[in-house]
Every structure is written in C-alpha cells, then in structure tokens.
C-alpha cells in the first residue's frame, strides 16, 4: 500500500497502521492460539491496546482518545484482526459501538464519566441490543424500562443476549423498551454501570469463533438507572442504535478484511513451499485460480472499507448519512473473509484443518462477520432500500 495509490492515506495513517501491526505481531500473535483454545479474556493485551490509543482512536484527546479519524481506525483494526479477530472484536465494540454512540448522543457529563475511561483502556465498554427473541427485529424486544414515580430513575427488567464483552464489561450502552406500544419508536437507550444492584451476568456463550472475545447474557431485575444516564431522549433509542451500527459496520468490515488478508498471505506462502507431484502447488492452475480470485476479492474489500471510512469522515462535517457505504463494505468484506478463509483451508489441505496452523481459526472467526451487527441478509435489505427509497 502506497500513498501514491491512495493519496488520502497520510503519514500519520501509516504510523498508526504500523504501530498496530507491530503490536499485533509482537504482543498478540504469541498468545492468540492459547486464548482461542481457553476462551479466556485477554485482559493484559487489551489494557496495553488502551495505553497505545487503540481503544479510542476516533475519540478526541480531551476524552482520553487518540483524536484520529475513521480511516486511521480502519487501518489499525485491520492489522489487529489480521493477527487475532478476537482482539479486533473487543477493539471494534469499544470504539464504534460504545464510544461513538456516547460521543454523538451523550451529554458532556456522560462523555467525561464513561468515554474517558473506556477510550483509555481503563474500563471495558459494551453494547446491548439483541434479546433471546429479538435480533434483527429490534421492535419486538421484551425488556422494559419504566420511569419511577419520582421521575429520578428508570426501573429496568429483562434479559439481553449475545452481548460482546458482557462477562467483563464495566459499562454498557443498553437499548430497551420504554413505550412498547410504539414498537421500534418506543425504544430508549441507557448507560448501564454493571457494578450496581439489579444487574447480573448470565451464561457465557460457547462460541465457534472469536472465542477470546467474551460474549454472554445480561439480566436486569429492578435495576435502577438514574435519569441522567439515559442516552438521548425517550423513544430515540432505535435511531441511536441504527446510527451507531453504521459506524460499527465499518469496524466489522475492517475486521473481516484483516481475516481475509491473513488467510490470503498464508495461502500464498504455502503455495510457494508445498510440493506435490514433483512441483510447487502454486504451479497448478487450480491453485493459481484460487489465489487470483482471493486477491481480487481482498483488494475490492479494502477499497470498499476505505470508501466507507471516508464517507463517515465526510458525514462528520456535512451530516450526511453513510449507511449505504458502511453496509456495502460490511457485506462484501464479511462474505469475502468467509470465502477466502474457506479457500485457504482447501489450499492447505489437512494442515488447513489442523490446529497446528491458524488457518482453521481464520475460518471459524470469519463466519461471525456475516452475522453480527446486521446479517448479510439485513445488509442487502439496507442497500436495496438506499437504492430504491422503498421500505
């Protein structure tokens, strides 16, 4: 990658990309397989990522972040995910789903109290929208928040599921119903402190991939949330959730790009070394075709990620929406990651199926990128609605 090909990439962008690459190779690569095997949360390396500024790249310096732009975030997240997608997931949630939402919709007090410690890596943030019976259709959620008679706090009850970082999160942006009769227009957002009475961590999910990224349920039983911890106005939760997901989808696209790059590079090296029938397997036309198609898809994904990142940066100034670009990047990059990882397993043969190499981990980690923060099916709906204007 050169600045001649991509003139919008500055020396500052290259510096943070290289810093993320060095940290990933030196600190994360040696432990990635171990944490994937155990499913333990990599607390120490996450703290180090916070100290280096990776947990709040777009957060202004006055709120504990690095004060950089979306492209810097995408470049750094790609490098982290290229070595371990679990670290990439934790980084993405902290940056896109937690910090971005509070920065955009929160009060100054909320930014100081919650963005500062999460952006610096001192605390872990999370985002909770999904419920056991409510996924893509957020208007059917069953959890409830009822304003107390005094008007000083909300009483929250319910169960949320598939919350990334739930087992370790210190603070969670929660979406729940305040006016269920209004459907998705009755959703409200809250900032939840997990050390308060009425909050309970439920089961930790035994996942196929991104196993070091802890995922689980959270339960609320008469949890009292101060009114000053409401994020935005009542009924604005769905709008906030969807706006934040646009940013989150750029993060997942970057994560998927990192996985795909890792799988491609490993396959190229293996094709140059592995011999069969008296020649390198990279000399066989079927392997050459796979590598060529993998390269094309990876580079196309990269361009879509850059396009989405630049669209978000423009939106910060103009107020324009960038959901189309974010969904296109997320859809194509995630499906590319899954396809490229599948081809990588095939190229490596038995070794691709073995835990001796990280190829099978790339394969397992890639699948979730087609599911969370909006499935591929949802992304196609979003894209088509932008194109037609039809709902």
Protein backbone atom coordinates (compact mmCIF):
# COMPACT_ATOMS: atom_id res chain seq x y z
CA UNK A 1 0.00 0.00 0.00
CA UNK A 2 1.47 3.32 -1.06
CA UNK A 3 0.38 6.90 -0.65
CA UNK A 4 0.66 7.26 -4.45
CA UNK A 5 -2.15 4.74 -4.92
CA UNK A 6 -4.18 6.14 -2.03
CA UNK A 7 -3.34 9.84 -1.66
CA UNK A 8 -5.85 10.21 1.20
CA UNK A 9 -3.61 7.99 3.35
CA UNK A 10 -1.26 10.29 5.24
CA UNK A 11 1.99 9.64 7.05
CA UNK A 12 0.01 9.74 10.30
CA UNK A 13 -2.25 6.97 9.00
CA UNK A 14 0.79 4.88 8.10
CA UNK A 15 2.29 5.44 11.55
CA UNK A 16 -0.77 4.13 13.41
CA UNK A 17 -1.14 1.24 10.96
CA UNK A 18 2.48 0.25 11.51
CA UNK A 19 2.15 0.67 15.28
CA UNK A 20 -0.89 -1.62 15.29
CA UNK A 21 0.93 -4.14 13.08
CA UNK A 22 3.99 -4.21 15.34
CA UNK A 23 1.90 -4.59 18.48
CA UNK A 24 -0.20 -7.35 16.92
CA UNK A 25 2.82 -9.30 15.72
CA UNK A 26 4.85 -8.91 18.91
CA UNK A 27 2.23 -8.97 21.67
CA UNK A 28 -0.86 -10.71 20.28
CA UNK A 29 0.48 -13.33 17.84
CA UNK A 30 2.33 -15.35 20.54
CA UNK A 31 -0.83 -15.72 22.66
CA UNK A 32 -3.63 -15.83 20.07
CA UNK A 33 -3.87 -19.63 19.78
CA UNK A 34 -3.76 -20.09 23.56
CA UNK A 35 -6.59 -17.65 24.23
CA UNK A 36 -8.61 -19.11 21.38
CA UNK A 37 -8.24 -22.53 22.98
CA UNK A 38 -9.13 -21.46 26.53
CA UNK A 39 -11.69 -18.79 25.68
CA UNK A 40 -10.20 -16.55 28.37
CA UNK A 41 -10.47 -12.79 28.02
CA UNK A 42 -7.06 -11.24 27.09
CA UNK A 43 -7.14 -8.52 29.75
CA UNK A 44 -3.45 -7.62 29.68
CA UNK A 45 -3.12 -7.06 25.95
CA UNK A 46 -6.40 -5.14 25.89
CA UNK A 47 -5.06 -2.80 28.59
CA UNK A 48 -1.91 -2.33 26.54
CA UNK A 49 -4.02 -1.53 23.47
CA UNK A 50 -5.78 1.13 25.52
CA UNK A 51 -2.48 2.64 26.60
CA UNK A 52 -1.39 2.78 22.95
CA UNK A 53 -4.60 4.56 21.96
CA UNK A 54 -6.21 1.73 20.00
CA UNK A 55 -9.36 1.55 22.15
CA UNK A 56 -10.43 5.09 21.31
CA UNK A 57 -8.81 6.02 18.03
CA UNK A 58 -11.51 8.46 16.89
CA UNK A 59 -12.16 9.79 20.38
CA UNK A 60 -10.87 13.36 20.89
CA UNK A 61 -7.82 13.61 23.12
CA UNK A 62 -9.76 15.56 25.76
CA UNK A 63 -11.89 12.42 26.27
CA UNK A 64 -8.94 10.05 26.55
CA UNK A 65 -8.66 9.01 22.91
CA UNK A 66 -6.12 9.32 20.11
CA UNK A 67 -8.01 12.06 18.27
CA UNK A 68 -7.62 10.48 14.84
CA UNK A 69 -10.09 9.75 12.04
CA UNK A 70 -12.13 6.79 10.78
CA UNK A 71 -9.55 5.75 8.21
CA UNK A 72 -6.90 5.50 10.94
CA UNK A 73 -9.30 3.35 12.94
CA UNK A 74 -9.98 1.05 9.97
CA UNK A 75 -6.28 0.66 9.20
CA UNK A 76 -5.37 -0.17 12.80
CA UNK A 77 -8.30 -2.53 13.31
CA UNK A 78 -7.43 -4.43 10.14
CA UNK A 79 -3.89 -5.03 11.43
CA UNK A 80 -5.09 -6.20 14.85
CA UNK A 81 -7.71 -8.51 13.32
CA UNK A 82 -5.19 -9.89 10.86
CA UNK A 83 -3.40 -11.48 13.82
CA UNK A 84 -6.40 -12.18 16.04
CA UNK A 85 -10.03 -11.35 15.31
CA UNK A 86 -10.96 -11.67 18.99
CA UNK A 87 -8.82 -8.67 19.90
CA UNK A 88 -10.31 -6.94 16.86
CA UNK A 89 -13.85 -7.54 18.12
CA UNK A 90 -13.12 -6.05 21.54
CA UNK A 91 -11.42 -3.07 19.92
CA UNK A 92 -14.32 -2.56 17.50
CA UNK A 93 -17.01 -2.59 20.19
CA UNK A 94 -15.12 -0.14 22.40
CA UNK A 95 -14.52 2.26 19.51
CA UNK A 96 -17.60 2.02 17.31
CA UNK A 97 -20.50 0.82 19.42
CA UNK A 98 -19.67 2.32 22.79
CA UNK A 99 -17.54 5.45 22.47
CA UNK A 100 -19.00 6.64 19.17
CA UNK A 101 -22.59 6.43 20.42
CA UNK A 102 -21.94 8.42 23.59
CA UNK A 103 -19.80 10.98 21.77
CA UNK A 104 -22.59 11.58 19.25
CA UNK A 105 -25.63 11.47 21.51
CA UNK A 106 -24.34 11.88 25.07
CA UNK A 107 -24.10 14.83 27.40
CA UNK A 108 -20.79 16.35 28.42
CA UNK A 109 -21.08 14.66 31.80
CA UNK A 110 -21.69 11.28 30.15
CA UNK A 111 -18.65 11.74 27.92
CA UNK A 112 -16.44 12.60 30.87
CA UNK A 113 -17.75 9.79 33.08
CA UNK A 114 -17.87 6.96 30.55
CA UNK A 115 -15.95 7.71 27.33
CA UNK A 116 -12.74 8.78 29.08
CA UNK A 117 -12.09 5.51 31.00
CA UNK A 118 -13.18 3.26 28.11
CA UNK A 119 -11.19 5.11 25.43
CA UNK A 120 -8.07 4.93 27.57
CA UNK A 121 -8.49 1.19 28.16
CA UNK A 122 -9.04 1.57 31.91
CA UNK A 123 -12.54 0.12 31.52
CA UNK A 124 -14.34 -2.12 29.03
CA UNK A 125 -17.48 -0.94 27.24
CA UNK A 126 -20.26 -2.96 25.63
CA UNK A 127 -23.39 -2.52 23.51
CA UNK A 128 -26.62 -4.44 24.12
CA UNK A 129 -29.46 -4.54 21.60
CA UNK A 130 -30.19 -8.23 20.97
CA UNK A 131 -32.51 -10.37 23.10
CA UNK A 132 -33.27 -14.11 23.04
CA UNK A 133 -36.40 -13.47 20.93
CA UNK A 134 -35.35 -10.19 19.31
CA UNK A 135 -32.45 -9.93 16.89
CA UNK A 136 -32.72 -8.04 13.61
CA UNK A 137 -36.28 -7.01 14.55
CA UNK A 138 -35.50 -4.67 17.45
CA UNK A 139 -39.11 -3.53 17.72
CA UNK A 140 -40.12 -6.81 19.35
CA UNK A 141 -37.79 -6.67 22.36
CA UNK A 142 -39.32 -7.70 25.67
CA UNK A 143 -37.07 -5.94 28.18
CA UNK A 144 -38.64 -2.91 29.82
CA UNK A 145 -37.60 0.36 31.46
CA UNK A 146 -40.29 2.14 33.50
CA UNK A 147 -39.86 5.67 34.85
CA UNK A 148 -40.20 5.75 38.62
CA UNK A 149 -42.95 7.73 40.34
CA UNK A 150 -40.38 10.29 41.47
CA UNK A 151 -39.02 10.68 37.95
CA UNK A 152 -35.47 10.33 39.23
CA UNK A 153 -34.69 6.94 37.71
CA UNK A 154 -35.88 4.13 35.47
CA UNK A 155 -36.55 0.61 36.73
CA UNK A 156 -35.23 -1.91 34.21
CA UNK A 157 -36.18 -5.57 33.92
CA UNK A 158 -35.36 -8.12 31.24
CA UNK A 159 -32.76 -10.31 29.62
CA UNK A 160 -30.36 -9.42 26.82
CA UNK A 161 -28.27 -11.89 24.85
CA UNK A 162 -25.19 -12.07 22.62
CA UNK A 163 -23.58 -9.08 24.30
CA UNK A 164 -19.93 -8.81 23.30
CA UNK A 165 -17.71 -8.33 26.38
CA UNK A 166 -20.71 -8.90 28.71
CA UNK A 167 -18.74 -11.12 31.14
CA UNK A 168 -16.15 -8.38 31.71
CA UNK A 169 -17.82 -5.08 30.78
CA UNK A 170 -17.77 -2.20 33.24
CA UNK A 171 -20.25 -0.05 31.31
CA UNK A 172 -22.90 -0.99 28.76
CA UNK A 173 -24.99 1.03 26.31
CA UNK A 174 -28.38 -0.67 26.66
CA UNK A 175 -31.42 -0.46 24.39
CA UNK A 176 -34.77 -1.35 25.93
CA UNK A 177 -38.47 -0.57 25.66
CA UNK A 178 -39.99 2.40 27.47
CA UNK A 179 -43.16 2.53 25.34
CA UNK A 180 -43.70 -0.97 23.87
CA UNK A 181 -46.97 0.02 22.19
CA UNK A 182 -44.93 2.19 19.81
CA UNK A 183 -42.75 -0.65 18.54
CA UNK A 184 -39.28 0.48 17.49
CA UNK A 185 -40.27 4.10 18.23
CA UNK A 186 -40.66 3.10 21.87
CA UNK A 187 -37.01 2.05 22.33
CA UNK A 188 -34.79 4.14 24.62
CA UNK A 189 -31.04 3.97 25.24
CA UNK A 190 -29.36 3.91 28.65
CA UNK A 191 -25.82 3.83 30.03
CA UNK A 192 -25.57 0.95 32.50
CA UNK A 193 -22.97 0.58 35.24
CA UNK A 194 -22.52 -3.13 35.80
CA UNK A 195 -21.48 -2.92 39.47
CA UNK A 196 -24.92 -1.73 40.61
CA UNK A 197 -27.63 -3.87 42.28
CA UNK A 198 -30.10 -5.49 39.92
CA UNK A 199 -27.51 -6.26 37.25
CA UNK A 200 -26.43 -9.86 36.74
CA UNK A 201 -24.18 -11.55 34.22
CA UNK A 202 -25.76 -14.62 32.67
CA UNK A 203 -24.24 -17.54 30.81
CA UNK A 204 -21.14 -17.11 28.72
CA UNK A 205 -21.69 -18.33 25.16
CA UNK A 206 -19.60 -21.30 23.95
CA UNK A 207 -18.78 -19.96 20.51
CA UNK A 208 -17.42 -21.34 17.24
CA UNK A 209 -15.00 -18.45 16.72
CA UNK A 210 -13.67 -15.21 18.23
CA UNK A 211 -13.51 -17.25 21.41
CA UNK A 212 -11.28 -14.89 23.38
CA UNK A 213 -13.88 -12.16 22.92
CA UNK A 214 -16.20 -12.92 25.83
CA UNK A 215 -19.88 -12.98 24.83
CA UNK A 216 -22.82 -13.61 27.12
CA UNK A 217 -26.21 -12.73 28.53
CA UNK A 218 -27.04 -9.94 30.94
CA UNK A 219 -30.07 -9.84 33.22
CA UNK A 220 -31.86 -6.94 34.90
CA UNK A 221 -34.04 -7.31 37.99
CA UNK A 222 -35.46 -3.99 39.20
CA UNK A 223 -32.24 -2.27 38.17
CA UNK A 224 -32.39 1.44 38.98
CA UNK A 225 -30.86 3.58 36.25
CA UNK A 226 -30.58 7.31 37.07
CA UNK A 227 -32.39 9.53 34.59
CA UNK A 228 -29.10 11.31 33.87
CA UNK A 229 -27.85 8.00 32.44
CA UNK A 230 -30.48 7.97 29.74
CA UNK A 231 -28.71 8.39 26.38
CA UNK A 232 -30.70 10.81 24.26
CA UNK A 233 -34.44 11.35 24.70
CA UNK A 234 -37.11 8.74 25.31
CA UNK A 235 -38.01 6.96 22.10
CA UNK A 236 -34.73 7.86 20.36
CA UNK A 237 -33.11 4.51 21.12
CA UNK A 238 -33.78 2.87 17.78
CA UNK A 239 -32.38 5.86 15.90
CA UNK A 240 -29.31 5.83 18.13
CA UNK A 241 -28.86 2.07 17.73
CA UNK A 242 -29.04 2.21 13.93
CA UNK A 243 -26.75 5.25 13.71
CA UNK A 244 -24.18 3.54 15.90
CA UNK A 245 -24.45 0.32 13.88
CA UNK A 246 -23.49 2.24 10.73
CA UNK A 247 -20.19 3.07 12.42
CA UNK A 248 -19.92 -0.45 13.80
CA UNK A 249 -20.28 -1.98 10.37
CA UNK A 250 -17.15 -0.18 9.20
CA UNK A 251 -15.36 -1.80 12.13
CA UNK A 252 -16.63 -5.28 11.24
CA UNK A 253 -15.71 -4.73 7.60
CA UNK A 254 -12.18 -3.83 8.72
CA UNK A 255 -12.06 -6.90 10.94
CA UNK A 256 -13.20 -9.09 8.05
CA UNK A 257 -10.59 -7.53 5.78
CA UNK A 258 -7.88 -8.39 8.32
CA UNK A 259 -9.00 -12.03 8.49
CA UNK A 260 -9.10 -12.28 4.70
CA UNK A 261 -5.65 -10.72 4.34
CA UNK A 262 -4.18 -13.17 6.83
CA UNK A 263 -5.75 -16.16 5.07
CA UNK A 264 -4.56 -14.96 1.67
CA UNK A 265 -0.97 -14.30 2.77
CA UNK A 266 -0.73 -17.69 4.47
CA UNK A 267 -2.05 -19.38 1.32
CA UNK A 268 0.45 -17.62 -0.93
CA UNK A 269 3.36 -18.71 1.26
CA UNK A 270 2.07 -22.28 1.48
CA UNK A 271 1.61 -22.45 -2.30
CA UNK A 272 5.26 -21.45 -2.78
CA UNK A 273 6.56 -24.05 -0.32
CA UNK A 274 4.30 -27.10 -0.52
CA UNK A 275 5.21 -29.66 -3.19
CA UNK A 276 3.04 -32.29 -4.82
CA UNK A 277 3.64 -34.45 -7.88
CA UNK A 278 7.12 -33.02 -8.30
CA UNK A 279 6.29 -29.32 -8.27
CA UNK A 280 5.15 -26.47 -6.04
CA UNK A 281 1.38 -26.50 -5.64
CA UNK A 282 1.40 -22.83 -6.66
CA UNK A 283 2.29 -24.04 -10.16
CA UNK A 284 -1.02 -25.86 -10.52
CA UNK A 285 -3.61 -23.85 -12.40
CA UNK A 286 -6.41 -24.64 -9.94
CA UNK A 287 -4.38 -23.21 -7.06
CA UNK A 288 -3.38 -20.22 -9.18
CA UNK A 289 -7.06 -19.54 -9.91
CA UNK A 290 -7.93 -19.67 -6.22
CA UNK A 291 -5.14 -17.28 -5.28
CA UNK A 292 -6.03 -14.86 -8.07
CA UNK A 293 -9.70 -14.77 -7.07
CA UNK A 294 -8.77 -14.40 -3.39
CA UNK A 295 -6.51 -11.44 -4.17
CA UNK A 296 -9.17 -9.69 -6.26
CA UNK A 297 -11.80 -10.04 -3.54
CA UNK A 298 -9.48 -8.91 -0.77
CA UNK A 299 -8.43 -5.79 -2.66
CA UNK A 300 -12.04 -5.00 -3.61
CA UNK A 301 -12.98 -5.30 0.07
CA UNK A 302 -10.17 -2.93 1.00
CA UNK A 303 -11.47 -0.29 -1.41
CA UNK A 304 -14.99 -0.60 -0.01
CA UNK A 305 -13.67 -0.25 3.54
CA UNK A 306 -11.73 2.87 2.58
CA UNK A 307 -14.80 4.28 0.79
CA UNK A 308 -16.94 3.71 3.89
CA UNK A 309 -14.34 5.25 6.20
CA UNK A 310 -14.05 8.35 4.02
CA UNK A 311 -17.85 8.61 3.79
CA UNK A 312 -18.08 8.60 7.59
CA UNK A 313 -15.40 11.27 7.81
CA UNK A 314 -17.36 13.45 5.37
CA UNK A 315 -20.53 12.83 7.35
CA UNK A 316 -18.88 14.24 10.47
CA UNK A 317 -18.75 17.59 8.65
CA UNK A 318 -21.85 17.51 6.46
CA UNK A 319 -24.30 15.46 8.50
CA UNK A 320 -24.90 13.16 5.53
CA UNK A 321 -25.72 9.52 6.12
CA UNK A 322 -23.13 6.90 5.25
CA UNK A 323 -25.17 3.77 5.88
CA UNK A 324 -25.03 2.68 2.24
CA UNK A 325 -21.24 2.69 2.13
CA UNK A 326 -21.00 1.05 5.56
CA UNK A 327 -23.40 -1.76 4.61
CA UNK A 328 -21.67 -2.36 1.27
CA UNK A 329 -18.29 -2.64 2.97
CA UNK A 330 -19.61 -4.88 5.72
CA UNK A 331 -21.49 -7.17 3.33
CA UNK A 332 -18.71 -7.64 0.80
CA UNK A 333 -15.80 -7.80 3.23
CA UNK A 334 -17.52 -10.31 5.52
CA UNK A 335 -18.52 -12.61 2.68
CA UNK A 336 -15.00 -12.24 1.28
CA UNK A 337 -13.49 -13.22 4.63
CA UNK A 338 -15.61 -16.37 4.77
CA UNK A 339 -14.91 -17.29 1.15
CA UNK A 340 -11.18 -16.57 1.32
CA UNK A 341 -10.81 -18.48 4.60
CA UNK A 342 -12.62 -21.45 3.04
CA UNK A 343 -10.27 -21.41 0.06
CA UNK A 344 -7.30 -21.14 2.42
CA UNK A 345 -8.37 -24.31 4.25
CA UNK A 346 -8.70 -26.08 0.90
CA UNK A 347 -5.28 -24.93 -0.31
CA UNK A 348 -3.65 -26.10 2.93
CA UNK A 349 -5.43 -29.45 2.79
CA UNK A 350 -5.05 -31.44 6.00
CA UNK A 351 -2.87 -28.76 7.55
CA UNK A 352 -5.65 -26.25 7.00
CA UNK A 353 -7.92 -28.44 9.11
CA UNK A 354 -5.34 -28.80 11.86
CA UNK A 355 -4.94 -26.53 14.87
CA UNK A 356 -1.19 -26.56 14.26
CA UNK A 357 -1.76 -23.63 11.90
CA UNK A 358 -4.06 -20.61 12.38
CA UNK A 359 -5.93 -21.31 9.13
CA UNK A 360 -8.81 -23.13 10.82
CA UNK A 361 -9.09 -20.24 13.30
CA UNK A 362 -9.40 -17.77 10.43
CA UNK A 363 -12.19 -19.98 9.06
CA UNK A 364 -14.04 -20.07 12.40
CA UNK A 365 -13.53 -16.38 13.10
CA UNK A 366 -14.67 -15.29 9.64
CA UNK A 367 -18.19 -16.68 9.96
CA UNK A 368 -19.37 -14.28 12.65
CA UNK A 369 -18.58 -11.27 10.46
CA UNK A 370 -21.51 -12.34 8.24
CA UNK A 371 -23.83 -12.36 11.26
CA UNK A 372 -23.23 -9.71 13.92
CA UNK A 373 -24.01 -6.02 13.55
CA UNK A 374 -26.53 -6.97 10.89
CA UNK A 375 -26.55 -10.22 8.95
CA UNK A 376 -25.69 -10.34 5.26
CA UNK A 377 -29.40 -10.58 4.56
CA UNK A 378 -30.04 -7.38 6.52
CA UNK A 379 -27.19 -5.61 4.72
CA UNK A 380 -28.77 -6.45 1.37
CA UNK A 381 -32.08 -5.04 2.62
CA UNK A 382 -30.36 -1.84 3.77
CA UNK A 383 -28.51 -1.42 0.48
CA UNK A 384 -31.61 -2.00 -1.64
CA UNK A 385 -33.62 0.48 0.42
CA UNK A 386 -30.99 3.14 -0.15
CA UNK A 387 -31.14 2.41 -3.86
CA UNK A 388 -34.92 2.39 -4.27
CA UNK A 389 -36.13 4.51 -1.38
CA UNK A 390 -38.72 1.80 -0.73
CA UNK A 391 -39.38 0.39 2.76
